[in-house]
Amino acid sequence: MIIRRASVGDSAALAGVGCRAWASMIFRFEPERPGIRERAERAFRAFADEFHHQIVLAELAGAVVGWGARDTGADYISDLWIDPAFQRRGIGFALMDALLAEIVLSGYGRACIETHARNLPAIRLYERCGFRIIRRGEEWSDSFCRKVEKVSMELLLGEDLIKITA
């Protein structure tokens, strides 16, 4: 597996992985409305085009299989998406490790991430990385044009990062 910075030419692959990962999770507990997948793929593509410099991706045999981002470049991890066909293989841990290293090198003492409150596999992954839930509440979802329940999670960095990366 190769972890590297994304480039402009990766946008289509990043959008495909993001959309597949999002759809495989969200439609387990949210209704699928007409056109929502297409809107999601356009949003992922626009995000990848704009923020490729803040995205790290994982490649296996030359194919993008996952990616994570810090769209603000700060302590907030905005995205972590693993292609459903490649989940539970350590790719999420590897990408999280790279993102946390960037956060530490940027001088931050904590990392934050959010997810849908019913996305239990993601919550378990983040907890295994040392994150803890600090808030649960409703937030507006552009995808669903309504509020959805989310959890905010935090990891205090320092010696905890050494345990994750060791």
Protein backbone atom coordinates (compact mmCIF):
# COMPACT_ATOMS: atom_id res chain seq x y z
CA MET A 1 0.00 0.00 0.00
CA ILE A 2 1.22 3.48 -0.88
CA ILE A 3 0.07 6.56 1.05
CA ARG A 4 0.65 9.79 -0.87
CA ARG A 5 -0.63 13.32 -1.43
CA ALA A 6 -3.43 13.55 -3.99
CA SER A 7 -3.01 15.47 -7.23
CA VAL A 8 -5.50 17.12 -9.57
CA GLY A 9 -5.48 14.02 -11.78
CA ASP A 10 -6.83 11.91 -8.90
CA SER A 11 -10.18 13.73 -8.66
CA ALA A 12 -12.32 11.17 -10.51
CA ALA A 13 -10.89 8.23 -8.54
CA LEU A 14 -11.30 10.12 -5.24
CA ALA A 15 -14.91 10.99 -6.10
CA GLY A 16 -15.68 7.37 -6.98
CA VAL A 17 -14.20 6.01 -3.74
CA GLY A 18 -15.89 8.70 -1.65
CA CYS A 19 -19.29 8.16 -3.23
CA ARG A 20 -19.13 4.36 -2.98
CA ALA A 21 -18.03 4.49 0.67
CA TRP A 22 -20.65 7.10 1.57
CA ALA A 23 -23.48 5.22 -0.19
CA SER A 24 -22.49 1.87 1.36
CA MET A 25 -22.90 3.40 4.81
CA ILE A 26 -25.58 6.05 4.62
CA PHE A 27 -28.34 4.10 2.89
CA ARG A 28 -28.36 1.55 5.69
CA PHE A 29 -30.28 4.07 7.79
CA GLU A 30 -31.21 7.03 5.57
CA PRO A 31 -33.70 6.91 2.67
CA GLU A 32 -32.27 7.07 -0.83
CA ARG A 33 -33.90 9.87 -2.78
CA PRO A 34 -33.76 10.22 -6.58
CA GLY A 35 -30.55 11.86 -7.77
CA ILE A 36 -28.81 11.82 -4.41
CA ARG A 37 -25.93 9.59 -5.56
CA GLU A 38 -25.27 11.83 -8.56
CA ARG A 39 -25.28 14.94 -6.35
CA ALA A 40 -22.93 13.21 -3.92
CA GLU A 41 -20.51 12.23 -6.68
CA ARG A 42 -20.49 15.81 -8.02
CA ALA A 43 -19.83 17.11 -4.50
CA PHE A 44 -16.97 14.64 -3.97
CA ARG A 45 -15.48 15.61 -7.35
CA ALA A 46 -15.69 19.33 -6.56
CA PHE A 47 -14.12 18.72 -3.15
CA ALA A 48 -11.26 16.70 -4.66
CA ASP A 49 -10.67 19.36 -7.31
CA GLU A 50 -10.54 22.17 -4.74
CA PHE A 51 -8.76 20.47 -1.85
CA HIS A 52 -6.44 17.91 -3.51
CA HIS A 53 -3.51 19.56 -1.71
CA GLN A 54 -5.15 18.64 1.64
CA ILE A 55 -5.96 15.02 0.68
CA VAL A 56 -3.85 11.94 1.36
CA LEU A 57 -4.79 8.79 -0.49
CA ALA A 58 -4.08 5.08 -0.28
CA GLU A 59 -3.21 3.09 -3.41
CA LEU A 60 -3.08 -0.65 -3.92
CA ALA A 61 -1.68 -1.90 -7.23
CA GLY A 62 -2.01 1.61 -8.65
CA ALA A 63 -5.71 1.99 -7.76
CA VAL A 64 -7.03 4.53 -5.25
CA VAL A 65 -8.73 2.55 -2.46
CA GLY A 66 -9.17 5.21 0.21
CA TRP A 67 -8.51 8.81 1.15
CA GLY A 68 -8.65 11.28 3.99
CA ALA A 69 -8.59 15.06 4.13
CA ARG A 70 -8.11 18.09 6.31
CA ASP A 71 -9.89 20.65 4.13
CA THR A 72 -8.95 23.54 6.42
CA GLY A 73 -5.43 22.27 7.00
CA ALA A 74 -6.06 22.61 10.73
CA ASP A 75 -6.84 20.02 13.41
CA TYR A 76 -10.13 18.89 11.85
CA ILE A 77 -10.23 15.71 9.75
CA SER A 78 -13.03 16.47 7.30
CA ASP A 79 -13.06 13.18 5.41
CA LEU A 80 -12.00 9.55 5.70
CA TRP A 81 -13.36 7.24 2.98
CA ILE A 82 -12.39 3.65 2.20
CA ASP A 83 -13.73 1.83 -0.85
CA PRO A 84 -16.20 -0.79 0.50
CA ALA A 85 -14.34 -3.57 -1.35
CA PHE A 86 -11.18 -2.72 0.63
CA GLN A 87 -12.54 -1.99 4.11
CA ARG A 88 -11.23 -3.79 7.21
CA ARG A 89 -7.71 -4.15 5.77
CA GLY A 90 -5.93 -1.45 7.79
CA ILE A 91 -6.31 1.27 5.16
CA GLY A 92 -8.32 3.51 7.48
CA PHE A 93 -5.66 3.17 10.19
CA ALA A 94 -2.88 4.00 7.70
CA LEU A 95 -4.69 7.09 6.43
CA MET A 96 -5.58 8.20 9.96
CA ASP A 97 -1.92 7.80 10.94
CA ALA A 98 -0.85 10.04 8.04
CA LEU A 99 -3.48 12.67 8.86
CA LEU A 100 -2.59 12.70 12.56
CA ALA A 101 1.11 13.06 11.72
CA GLU A 102 0.26 16.11 9.57
CA ILE A 103 -1.79 17.60 12.40
CA VAL A 104 1.06 17.15 14.89
CA LEU A 105 3.61 18.58 12.43
CA SER A 106 1.31 21.59 11.98
CA GLY A 107 1.60 22.24 15.72
CA TYR A 108 -1.83 21.19 16.94
CA GLY A 109 -2.37 19.37 20.22
CA ARG A 110 -5.63 17.71 19.29
CA ALA A 111 -7.48 16.23 16.33
CA CYS A 112 -11.22 16.38 15.70
CA ILE A 113 -13.54 14.39 13.45
CA GLU A 114 -17.31 14.05 13.00
CA THR A 115 -19.57 11.37 11.57
CA HIS A 116 -23.21 10.34 11.41
CA ALA A 117 -24.23 9.04 14.84
CA ARG A 118 -25.39 5.76 13.30
CA ASN A 119 -22.11 5.14 11.44
CA LEU A 120 -20.95 2.64 14.05
CA PRO A 121 -18.06 1.14 12.02
CA ALA A 122 -16.48 4.60 11.66
CA ILE A 123 -17.06 5.43 15.32
CA ARG A 124 -15.39 2.14 16.34
CA LEU A 125 -12.41 2.87 14.05
CA TYR A 126 -11.99 6.34 15.51
CA GLU A 127 -12.27 5.00 19.06
CA ARG A 128 -9.57 2.40 18.29
CA CYS A 129 -7.40 5.30 17.13
CA GLY A 130 -7.92 6.96 20.52
CA PHE A 131 -10.73 9.39 19.73
CA ARG A 132 -13.55 9.89 22.22
CA ILE A 133 -17.03 11.29 21.68
CA ILE A 134 -17.29 14.82 23.03
CA ARG A 135 -20.66 15.85 21.57
CA ARG A 136 -23.75 14.29 20.06
CA GLY A 137 -26.42 16.39 18.41
CA GLU A 138 -28.30 17.33 15.28
CA GLU A 139 -26.61 19.18 12.42
CA TRP A 140 -27.80 20.29 9.01
CA SER A 141 -27.03 17.86 6.17
CA ASP A 142 -26.76 19.35 2.69
CA SER A 143 -27.07 15.82 1.28
CA PHE A 144 -30.45 15.17 2.91
CA CYS A 145 -31.69 18.77 3.19
CA ARG A 146 -32.52 18.25 6.85
CA LYS A 147 -30.88 17.77 10.21
CA VAL A 148 -29.22 14.44 11.05
CA GLU A 149 -27.70 13.22 14.30
CA LYS A 150 -23.91 13.49 14.36
CA VAL A 151 -21.14 12.78 16.82
CA SER A 152 -18.08 14.96 17.28
CA MET A 153 -14.95 13.16 18.43
CA GLU A 154 -11.61 14.40 19.73
CA LEU A 155 -8.14 12.96 20.22
CA LEU A 156 -5.63 14.75 22.42
CA LEU A 157 -2.28 14.36 20.68
CA GLY A 158 1.15 13.76 22.07
CA GLU A 159 2.04 10.42 23.55
CA ASP A 160 -1.23 8.93 22.23
CA LEU A 161 0.01 9.45 18.67
CA ILE A 162 3.14 7.44 19.41
CA LYS A 163 0.94 4.49 20.42
CA ILE A 164 -1.09 4.69 17.19
CA THR A 165 1.92 4.94 14.90
CA ALA A 166 4.10 2.37 16.67
